[in-house]
């Protein structure tokens, strides 16, 4: 658990884990709970990044069409 707590700030700096999940991770009572929360946050961030990428592509296509 301490190792995960130690690397979480690096995840935040890299934009992999959102800052709002930090309190949940730091107050987790078990390793399983902590792992689930970290994985959930990473998955959510990836999905958000994919959506942003798709929207960016759509904007570029629309600009090219104009």
PDB file of N, CA and C in Angstrom:
ATOM      1  N   UNK A   1       0.825  -1.191   0.000  1.00  0.00           N
ATOM      2  CA  UNK A   1       0.000   0.000   0.000  1.00  0.00           C
ATOM      3  C   UNK A   1       0.866   1.250   0.000  1.00  0.00           C
ATOM      4  N   UNK A   2       1.960   1.192   0.731  1.00  0.00           N
ATOM      5  CA  UNK A   2       2.843   2.361   0.798  1.00  0.00           C
ATOM      6  C   UNK A   2       3.471   2.655  -0.557  1.00  0.00           C
ATOM      7  N   UNK A   3       3.794   1.603  -1.309  1.00  0.00           N
ATOM      8  CA  UNK A   3       4.373   1.804  -2.636  1.00  0.00           C
ATOM      9  C   UNK A   3       3.374   2.486  -3.568  1.00  0.00           C
ATOM     10  N   UNK A   4       2.126   2.073  -3.489  1.00  0.00           N
ATOM     11  CA  UNK A   4       1.098   2.697  -4.325  1.00  0.00           C
ATOM     12  C   UNK A   4       0.928   4.155  -3.919  1.00  0.00           C
ATOM     13  N   UNK A   5       0.881   4.410  -2.619  1.00  0.00           N
ATOM     14  CA  UNK A   5       0.757   5.786  -2.141  1.00  0.00           C
ATOM     15  C   UNK A   5       1.936   6.636  -2.624  1.00  0.00           C
ATOM     16  N   UNK A   6       3.094   6.021  -2.720  1.00  0.00           N
ATOM     17  CA  UNK A   6       4.289   6.764  -3.136  1.00  0.00           C
ATOM     18  C   UNK A   6       4.249   7.124  -4.625  1.00  0.00           C
ATOM     19  N   UNK A   7       3.654   6.282  -5.457  1.00  0.00           N
ATOM     20  CA  UNK A   7       3.653   6.564  -6.902  1.00  0.00           C
ATOM     21  C   UNK A   7       2.429   7.335  -7.370  1.00  0.00           C
ATOM     22  N   UNK A   8       1.407   7.438  -6.547  1.00  0.00           N
ATOM     23  CA  UNK A   8       0.199   8.161  -6.941  1.00  0.00           C
ATOM     24  C   UNK A   8       0.491   9.607  -7.344  1.00  0.00           C
ATOM     25  N   UNK A   9       1.339  10.346  -6.615  1.00  0.00           N
ATOM     26  CA  UNK A   9       1.637  11.721  -7.056  1.00  0.00           C
ATOM     27  C   UNK A   9       2.232  11.774  -8.466  1.00  0.00           C
ATOM     28  N   UNK A  10       3.001  10.773  -8.842  1.00  0.00           N
ATOM     29  CA  UNK A  10       3.556  10.717 -10.197  1.00  0.00           C
ATOM     30  C   UNK A  10       2.441  10.514 -11.223  1.00  0.00           C
ATOM     31  N   UNK A  11       1.446   9.705 -10.859  1.00  0.00           N
ATOM     32  CA  UNK A  11       0.293   9.509 -11.734  1.00  0.00           C
ATOM     33  C   UNK A  11      -0.455  10.816 -11.929  1.00  0.00           C
ATOM     34  N   UNK A  12      -0.577  11.587 -10.868  1.00  0.00           N
ATOM     35  CA  UNK A  12      -1.276  12.876 -10.953  1.00  0.00           C
ATOM     36  C   UNK A  12      -0.506  13.827 -11.860  1.00  0.00           C
ATOM     37  N   UNK A  13       0.811  13.912 -11.673  1.00  0.00           N
ATOM     38  CA  UNK A  13       1.639  14.793 -12.502  1.00  0.00           C
ATOM     39  C   UNK A  13       1.534  14.428 -13.977  1.00  0.00           C
ATOM     40  N   UNK A  14       1.438  13.129 -14.258  1.00  0.00           N
ATOM     41  CA  UNK A  14       1.366  12.653 -15.639  1.00  0.00           C
ATOM     42  C   UNK A  14      -0.055  12.744 -16.202  1.00  0.00           C
ATOM     43  N   UNK A  15      -1.013  13.101 -15.352  1.00  0.00           N
ATOM     44  CA  UNK A  15      -2.396  13.213 -15.810  1.00  0.00           C
ATOM     45  C   UNK A  15      -3.103  11.882 -15.925  1.00  0.00           C
ATOM     46  N   UNK A  16      -2.565  10.861 -15.299  1.00  0.00           N
ATOM     47  CA  UNK A  16      -3.159   9.529 -15.370  1.00  0.00           C
ATOM     48  C   UNK A  16      -4.254   9.364 -14.323  1.00  0.00           C
ATOM     49  N   UNK A  17      -4.035   9.946 -13.154  1.00  0.00           N
ATOM     50  CA  UNK A  17      -5.006   9.872 -12.063  1.00  0.00           C
ATOM     51  C   UNK A  17      -5.426  11.286 -11.712  1.00  0.00           C
ATOM     52  N   UNK A  18      -6.725  11.502 -11.616  1.00  0.00           N
ATOM     53  CA  UNK A  18      -7.205  12.838 -11.290  1.00  0.00           C
ATOM     54  C   UNK A  18      -7.001  13.138  -9.807  1.00  0.00           C
ATOM     55  N   UNK A  19      -6.740  14.387  -9.481  1.00  0.00           N
ATOM     56  CA  UNK A  19      -6.479  14.754  -8.088  1.00  0.00           C
ATOM     57  C   UNK A  19      -7.620  14.412  -7.131  1.00  0.00           C
ATOM     58  N   UNK A  20      -8.855  14.400  -7.621  1.00  0.00           N
ATOM     59  CA  UNK A  20      -9.971  14.112  -6.727  1.00  0.00           C
ATOM     60  C   UNK A  20      -9.985  12.678  -6.211  1.00  0.00           C
ATOM     61  N   UNK A  21      -9.301  11.783  -6.882  1.00  0.00           N
ATOM     62  CA  UNK A  21      -9.262  10.394  -6.435  1.00  0.00           C
ATOM     63  C   UNK A  21      -8.191  10.170  -5.350  1.00  0.00           C
ATOM     64  N   UNK A  22      -7.292  11.154  -5.206  1.00  0.00           N
ATOM     65  CA  UNK A  22      -6.188  11.014  -4.255  1.00  0.00           C
ATOM     66  C   UNK A  22      -6.673  10.733  -2.839  1.00  0.00           C
ATOM     67  N   UNK A  23      -7.650  11.478  -2.382  1.00  0.00           N
ATOM     68  CA  UNK A  23      -8.143  11.269  -1.015  1.00  0.00           C
ATOM     69  C   UNK A  23      -8.708   9.867  -0.847  1.00  0.00           C
ATOM     70  N   UNK A  24      -9.413   9.382  -1.863  1.00  0.00           N
ATOM     71  CA  UNK A  24      -9.949   8.021  -1.784  1.00  0.00           C
ATOM     72  C   UNK A  24      -8.827   6.995  -1.692  1.00  0.00           C
ATOM     73  N   UNK A  25      -7.792   7.204  -2.493  1.00  0.00           N
ATOM     74  CA  UNK A  25      -6.676   6.262  -2.498  1.00  0.00           C
ATOM     75  C   UNK A  25      -5.928   6.302  -1.171  1.00  0.00           C
ATOM     76  N   UNK A  26      -5.663   7.513  -0.698  1.00  0.00           N
ATOM     77  CA  UNK A  26      -4.880   7.656   0.524  1.00  0.00           C
ATOM     78  C   UNK A  26      -5.622   7.171   1.769  1.00  0.00           C
ATOM     79  N   UNK A  27      -6.946   7.143   1.707  1.00  0.00           N
ATOM     80  CA  UNK A  27      -7.712   6.697   2.876  1.00  0.00           C
ATOM     81  C   UNK A  27      -8.257   5.282   2.721  1.00  0.00           C
ATOM     82  N   UNK A  28      -7.842   4.583   1.679  1.00  0.00           N
ATOM     83  CA  UNK A  28      -8.298   3.204   1.477  1.00  0.00           C
ATOM     84  C   UNK A  28      -7.840   2.332   2.637  1.00  0.00           C
ATOM     85  N   UNK A  29      -8.707   1.430   3.034  1.00  0.00           N
ATOM     86  CA  UNK A  29      -8.417   0.586   4.184  1.00  0.00           C
ATOM     87  C   UNK A  29      -7.725  -0.728   3.814  1.00  0.00           C
ATOM     88  N   UNK A  30      -7.740  -1.049   2.517  1.00  0.00           N
ATOM     89  CA  UNK A  30      -7.103  -2.299   2.106  1.00  0.00           C
ATOM     90  C   UNK A  30      -6.398  -2.100   0.771  1.00  0.00           C
ATOM     91  N   UNK A  31      -5.489  -2.993   0.488  1.00  0.00           N
ATOM     92  CA  UNK A  31      -4.766  -2.956  -0.779  1.00  0.00           C
ATOM     93  C   UNK A  31      -5.723  -3.184  -1.939  1.00  0.00           C
ATOM     94  N   UNK A  32      -6.675  -4.088  -1.765  1.00  0.00           N
ATOM     95  CA  UNK A  32      -7.648  -4.364  -2.824  1.00  0.00           C
ATOM     96  C   UNK A  32      -8.462  -3.124  -3.145  1.00  0.00           C
ATOM     97  N   UNK A  33      -8.936  -2.439  -2.120  1.00  0.00           N
ATOM     98  CA  UNK A  33      -9.717  -1.212  -2.321  1.00  0.00           C
ATOM     99  C   UNK A  33      -8.884  -0.161  -3.046  1.00  0.00           C
ATOM    100  N   UNK A  34      -7.639  -0.043  -2.660  1.00  0.00           N
ATOM    101  CA  UNK A  34      -6.746   0.939  -3.267  1.00  0.00           C
ATOM    102  C   UNK A  34      -6.507   0.599  -4.738  1.00  0.00           C
ATOM    103  N   UNK A  35      -6.232  -0.676  -5.035  1.00  0.00           N
ATOM    104  CA  UNK A  35      -5.987  -1.089  -6.413  1.00  0.00           C
ATOM    105  C   UNK A  35      -7.199  -0.845  -7.290  1.00  0.00           C
ATOM    106  N   UNK A  36      -8.369  -1.143  -6.782  1.00  0.00           N
ATOM    107  CA  UNK A  36      -9.602  -0.948  -7.546  1.00  0.00           C
ATOM    108  C   UNK A  36      -9.778   0.533  -7.879  1.00  0.00           C
ATOM    109  N   UNK A  37      -9.544   1.387  -6.902  1.00  0.00           N
ATOM    110  CA  UNK A  37      -9.722   2.826  -7.116  1.00  0.00           C
ATOM    111  C   UNK A  37      -8.697   3.379  -8.103  1.00  0.00           C
ATOM    112  N   UNK A  38      -7.458   2.922  -8.016  1.00  0.00           N
ATOM    113  CA  UNK A  38      -6.425   3.388  -8.942  1.00  0.00           C
ATOM    114  C   UNK A  38      -6.758   2.924 -10.359  1.00  0.00           C
ATOM    115  N   UNK A  39      -7.109   1.655 -10.516  1.00  0.00           N
ATOM    116  CA  UNK A  39      -7.444   1.124 -11.837  1.00  0.00           C
ATOM    117  C   UNK A  39      -8.658   1.837 -12.427  1.00  0.00           C
ATOM    118  N   UNK A  40      -9.660   2.093 -11.600  1.00  0.00           N
ATOM    119  CA  UNK A  40     -10.862   2.784 -12.058  1.00  0.00           C
ATOM    120  C   UNK A  40     -10.529   4.192 -12.535  1.00  0.00           C
ATOM    121  N   UNK A  41      -9.676   4.875 -11.803  1.00  0.00           N
ATOM    122  CA  UNK A  41      -9.292   6.226 -12.168  1.00  0.00           C
ATOM    123  C   UNK A  41      -8.490   6.238 -13.466  1.00  0.00           C
ATOM    124  N   UNK A  42      -7.574   5.298 -13.620  1.00  0.00           N
ATOM    125  CA  UNK A  42      -6.771   5.213 -14.843  1.00  0.00           C
ATOM    126  C   UNK A  42      -7.681   4.922 -16.043  1.00  0.00           C
ATOM    127  N   UNK A  43      -8.627   4.014 -15.876  1.00  0.00           N
ATOM    128  CA  UNK A  43      -9.555   3.687 -16.963  1.00  0.00           C
ATOM    129  C   UNK A  43     -10.385   4.910 -17.347  1.00  0.00           C
ATOM    130  N   UNK A  44     -10.875   5.632 -16.350  1.00  0.00           N
ATOM    131  CA  UNK A  44     -11.679   6.829 -16.609  1.00  0.00           C
ATOM    132  C   UNK A  44     -10.864   7.877 -17.364  1.00  0.00           C
ATOM    133  N   UNK A  45      -9.615   8.059 -16.949  1.00  0.00           N
ATOM    134  CA  UNK A  45      -8.758   9.052 -17.606  1.00  0.00           C
ATOM    135  C   UNK A  45      -8.488   8.673 -19.062  1.00  0.00           C
ATOM    136  N   UNK A  46      -8.275   7.377 -19.318  1.00  0.00           N
ATOM    137  CA  UNK A  46      -8.050   6.914 -20.691  1.00  0.00           C
ATOM    138  C   UNK A  46      -9.276   7.172 -21.551  1.00  0.00           C
ATOM    139  N   UNK A  47     -10.457   6.897 -20.994  1.00  0.00           N
ATOM    140  CA  UNK A  47     -11.692   7.130 -21.742  1.00  0.00           C
ATOM    141  C   UNK A  47     -11.863   8.611 -22.059  1.00  0.00           C
ATOM    142  N   UNK A  48     -11.566   9.469 -21.091  1.00  0.00           N
ATOM    143  CA  UNK A  48     -11.668  10.910 -21.312  1.00  0.00           C
ATOM    144  C   UNK A  48     -10.675  11.358 -22.384  1.00  0.00           C
ATOM    145  N   UNK A  49      -9.468  10.835 -22.333  1.00  0.00           N
ATOM    146  CA  UNK A  49      -8.458  11.191 -23.333  1.00  0.00           C
ATOM    147  C   UNK A  49      -8.892  10.747 -24.729  1.00  0.00           C
ATOM    148  N   UNK A  50      -9.495   9.567 -24.827  1.00  0.00           N
ATOM    149  CA  UNK A  50      -9.983   9.076 -26.121  1.00  0.00           C
ATOM    150  C   UNK A  50     -11.090   9.983 -26.666  1.00  0.00           C
ATOM    151  N   UNK A  51     -11.983  10.414 -25.779  1.00  0.00           N
ATOM    152  CA  UNK A  51     -13.063  11.307 -26.208  1.00  0.00           C
ATOM    153  C   UNK A  51     -12.502  12.636 -26.698  1.00  0.00           C
ATOM    154  N   UNK A  52     -11.536  13.164 -25.989  1.00  0.00           N
ATOM    155  CA  UNK A  52     -10.914  14.431 -26.391  1.00  0.00           C
ATOM    156  C   UNK A  52     -10.244  14.271 -27.749  1.00  0.00           C
ATOM    157  N   UNK A  53      -9.558  13.169 -27.939  1.00  0.00           N
ATOM    158  CA  UNK A  53      -8.887  12.914 -29.207  1.00  0.00           C
ATOM    159  C   UNK A  53      -9.898  12.823 -30.353  1.00  0.00           C
ATOM    160  N   UNK A  54     -11.008  12.147 -30.118  1.00  0.00           N
ATOM    161  CA  UNK A  54     -12.042  12.029 -31.152  1.00  0.00           C
ATOM    162  C   UNK A  54     -12.643  13.393 -31.473  1.00  0.00           C
ATOM    163  N   UNK A  55     -12.914  14.188 -30.460  1.00  0.00           N
ATOM    164  CA  UNK A  55     -13.475  15.514 -30.684  1.00  0.00           C
ATOM    165  C   UNK A  55     -12.494  16.417 -31.423  1.00  0.00           C
ATOM    166  N   UNK A  56     -11.223  16.291 -31.089  1.00  0.00           N
ATOM    167  CA  UNK A  56     -10.196  17.078 -31.773  1.00  0.00           C
ATOM    168  C   UNK A  56     -10.157  16.718 -33.254  1.00  0.00           C
ATOM    169  N   UNK A  57     -10.245  15.442 -33.560  1.00  0.00           N
ATOM    170  CA  UNK A  57     -10.255  14.996 -34.952  1.00  0.00           C
ATOM    171  C   UNK A  57     -11.482  15.526 -35.690  1.00  0.00           C
ATOM    172  N   UNK A  58     -12.627  15.513 -35.004  1.00  0.00           N
ATOM    173  CA  UNK A  58     -13.843  16.021 -35.629  1.00  0.00           C
ATOM    174  C   UNK A  58     -13.727  17.516 -35.922  1.00  0.00           C
ATOM    175  N   UNK A  59     -13.147  18.262 -34.990  1.00  0.00           N
ATOM    176  CA  UNK A  59     -12.953  19.696 -35.189  1.00  0.00           C
ATOM    177  C   UNK A  59     -12.033  19.940 -36.377  1.00  0.00           C
ATOM    178  N   UNK A  60     -10.965  19.179 -36.464  1.00  0.00           N
ATOM    179  CA  UNK A  60     -10.030  19.327 -37.587  1.00  0.00           C
ATOM    180  C   UNK A  60     -10.717  19.029 -38.920  1.00  0.00           C
ATOM    181  N   UNK A  61     -11.547  17.988 -38.939  1.00  0.00           N
ATOM    182  CA  UNK A  61     -12.256  17.643 -40.166  1.00  0.00           C
ATOM    183  C   UNK A  61     -13.231  18.757 -40.574  1.00  0.00           C
ATOM    184  N   UNK A  62     -13.934  19.298 -39.590  1.00  0.00           N
ATOM    185  CA  UNK A  62     -14.859  20.383 -39.875  1.00  0.00           C
ATOM    186  C   UNK A  62     -14.132  21.626 -40.369  1.00  0.00           C
ATOM    187  N   UNK A  63     -12.992  21.923 -39.770  1.00  0.00           N
ATOM    188  CA  UNK A  63     -12.214  23.082 -40.217  1.00  0.00           C
ATOM    189  C   UNK A  63     -11.709  22.885 -41.644  1.00  0.00           C
ATOM    190  N   UNK A  64     -11.313  21.673 -41.960  1.00  0.00           N
ATOM    191  CA  UNK A  64     -10.850  21.378 -43.328  1.00  0.00           C
ATOM    192  C   UNK A  64     -11.994  21.501 -44.334  1.00  0.00           C
ATOM    193  N   UNK A  65     -13.191  21.123 -43.913  1.00  0.00           N
ATOM    194  CA  UNK A  65     -14.353  21.209 -44.795  1.00  0.00           C
ATOM    195  C   UNK A  65     -14.770  22.654 -45.047  1.00  0.00           C
ATOM    196  N   UNK A  66     -14.507  23.497 -44.071  1.00  0.00           N
ATOM    197  CA  UNK A  66     -14.865  24.907 -44.235  1.00  0.00           C
ATOM    198  C   UNK A  66     -13.868  25.580 -45.149  1.00  0.00           C
TER     199      UNK A  66
END
